[in-house]
Amino acid sequence: MKTDRRINKTAVVLITYGSRYFYFSKLIERLLSMGIGFIIAVDNNSNLDSKKALLKYSLGNKSKIYIIEASEQK
């Protein structure tokens, strides 16, 4: 499969909530394997296990994954 070069500059916004680790982990893995440039994960009050997993992905991919805590926004 040939990947379009523009995909490296693409930003993806992923909104997580509750206990959604099963879903967002598969999505993040797929996006990273595709060469997506940036992933912005909006944590909209996910549970503690999902928060920890999201942080793990972020720490492992510091230049590609950014987390926004929606519950902290005022």
C-alpha atoms as a PDB file:
ATOM      1  CA  MET A   1       0.000   0.000   0.000  1.00  0.00           C
ATOM      2  CA  LYS A   2       1.451   3.338  -1.038  1.00  0.00           C
ATOM      3  CA  THR A   3       0.968   6.139   1.500  1.00  0.00           C
ATOM      4  CA  ASP A   4       0.337   9.704   0.404  1.00  0.00           C
ATOM      5  CA  ARG A   5       3.127  12.004   1.677  1.00  0.00           C
ATOM      6  CA  ARG A   6       0.561  14.489   2.960  1.00  0.00           C
ATOM      7  CA  ILE A   7      -0.502  12.031   5.654  1.00  0.00           C
ATOM      8  CA  ASN A   8       2.610  12.925   7.682  1.00  0.00           C
ATOM      9  CA  LYS A   9       1.192  16.418   8.191  1.00  0.00           C
ATOM     10  CA  THR A  10      -2.291  15.275   9.098  1.00  0.00           C
ATOM     11  CA  ALA A  11      -3.698  15.868  12.575  1.00  0.00           C
ATOM     12  CA  VAL A  12      -6.253  13.501  14.040  1.00  0.00           C
ATOM     13  CA  VAL A  13      -8.460  14.439  16.971  1.00  0.00           C
ATOM     14  CA  LEU A  14      -9.486  11.510  19.145  1.00  0.00           C
ATOM     15  CA  ILE A  15     -12.030  12.013  21.924  1.00  0.00           C
ATOM     16  CA  THR A  16     -11.955   9.531  24.770  1.00  0.00           C
ATOM     17  CA  TYR A  17     -14.368   9.067  27.662  1.00  0.00           C
ATOM     18  CA  GLY A  18     -15.311   6.423  30.172  1.00  0.00           C
ATOM     19  CA  SER A  19     -13.630   3.064  29.744  1.00  0.00           C
ATOM     20  CA  ARG A  20     -12.672   3.272  26.059  1.00  0.00           C
ATOM     21  CA  TYR A  21      -9.115   1.898  26.158  1.00  0.00           C
ATOM     22  CA  PHE A  22     -10.007  -1.068  23.942  1.00  0.00           C
ATOM     23  CA  TYR A  23     -11.172   1.244  21.156  1.00  0.00           C
ATOM     24  CA  PHE A  24      -8.675   4.087  21.265  1.00  0.00           C
ATOM     25  CA  SER A  25      -5.646   1.805  21.664  1.00  0.00           C
ATOM     26  CA  LYS A  26      -6.469   0.053  18.374  1.00  0.00           C
ATOM     27  CA  LEU A  27      -7.084   3.382  16.671  1.00  0.00           C
ATOM     28  CA  ILE A  28      -3.835   4.936  17.937  1.00  0.00           C
ATOM     29  CA  GLU A  29      -1.800   1.892  16.889  1.00  0.00           C
ATOM     30  CA  ARG A  30      -3.333   2.010  13.414  1.00  0.00           C
ATOM     31  CA  LEU A  31      -2.784   5.744  13.008  1.00  0.00           C
ATOM     32  CA  LEU A  32       0.855   5.473  14.099  1.00  0.00           C
ATOM     33  CA  SER A  33       1.447   2.598  11.682  1.00  0.00           C
ATOM     34  CA  MET A  34      -0.002   4.745   8.866  1.00  0.00           C
ATOM     35  CA  GLY A  35       2.470   7.533   9.567  1.00  0.00           C
ATOM     36  CA  ILE A  36      -0.041  10.112  10.792  1.00  0.00           C
ATOM     37  CA  GLY A  37       1.842  13.272  11.741  1.00  0.00           C
ATOM     38  CA  PHE A  38      -0.042  14.340  14.870  1.00  0.00           C
ATOM     39  CA  ILE A  39      -2.691  12.842  17.100  1.00  0.00           C
ATOM     40  CA  ILE A  40      -4.563  15.086  19.489  1.00  0.00           C
ATOM     41  CA  ALA A  41      -6.365  13.067  22.152  1.00  0.00           C
ATOM     42  CA  VAL A  42      -9.077  14.893  24.046  1.00  0.00           C
ATOM     43  CA  ASP A  43      -9.647  13.178  27.370  1.00  0.00           C
ATOM     44  CA  ASN A  44     -13.272  13.902  28.188  1.00  0.00           C
ATOM     45  CA  ASN A  45     -13.342  12.345  31.670  1.00  0.00           C
ATOM     46  CA  SER A  46     -12.109   8.837  30.858  1.00  0.00           C
ATOM     47  CA  ASN A  47     -11.581   6.369  33.683  1.00  0.00           C
ATOM     48  CA  LEU A  48      -8.209   5.983  35.439  1.00  0.00           C
ATOM     49  CA  ASP A  49      -7.077   2.927  33.430  1.00  0.00           C
ATOM     50  CA  SER A  50      -7.811   4.704  30.147  1.00  0.00           C
ATOM     51  CA  LYS A  51      -6.006   7.851  31.362  1.00  0.00           C
ATOM     52  CA  LYS A  52      -2.922   5.787  32.238  1.00  0.00           C
ATOM     53  CA  ALA A  53      -2.958   4.011  28.878  1.00  0.00           C
ATOM     54  CA  LEU A  54      -3.354   7.283  26.995  1.00  0.00           C
ATOM     55  CA  LEU A  55      -0.443   8.776  28.947  1.00  0.00           C
ATOM     56  CA  LYS A  56       1.669   5.717  28.107  1.00  0.00           C
ATOM     57  CA  TYR A  57       1.041   6.243  24.389  1.00  0.00           C
ATOM     58  CA  SER A  58       1.828   9.930  24.763  1.00  0.00           C
ATOM     59  CA  LEU A  59       5.118   9.341  26.571  1.00  0.00           C
ATOM     60  CA  GLY A  60       6.173   6.787  23.968  1.00  0.00           C
ATOM     61  CA  ASN A  61       5.392   9.169  21.103  1.00  0.00           C
ATOM     62  CA  LYS A  62       6.079  12.628  22.531  1.00  0.00           C
ATOM     63  CA  SER A  63       6.391  14.363  19.182  1.00  0.00           C
ATOM     64  CA  LYS A  64       3.193  12.853  17.769  1.00  0.00           C
ATOM     65  CA  ILE A  65       0.584  12.518  20.511  1.00  0.00           C
ATOM     66  CA  TYR A  66      -0.788  15.419  22.522  1.00  0.00           C
ATOM     67  CA  ILE A  67      -3.359  15.048  25.300  1.00  0.00           C
ATOM     68  CA  ILE A  68      -5.899  17.701  26.203  1.00  0.00           C
ATOM     69  CA  GLU A  69      -7.779  17.200  29.459  1.00  0.00           C
ATOM     70  CA  ALA A  70     -11.262  18.500  28.600  1.00  0.00           C
ATOM     71  CA  SER A  71     -12.380  18.342  32.232  1.00  0.00           C
ATOM     72  CA  GLU A  72      -9.721  20.942  33.108  1.00  0.00           C
ATOM     73  CA  GLN A  73     -10.847  23.432  30.450  1.00  0.00           C
ATOM     74  CA  LYS A  74     -12.853  26.383  31.778  1.00  0.00           C
END
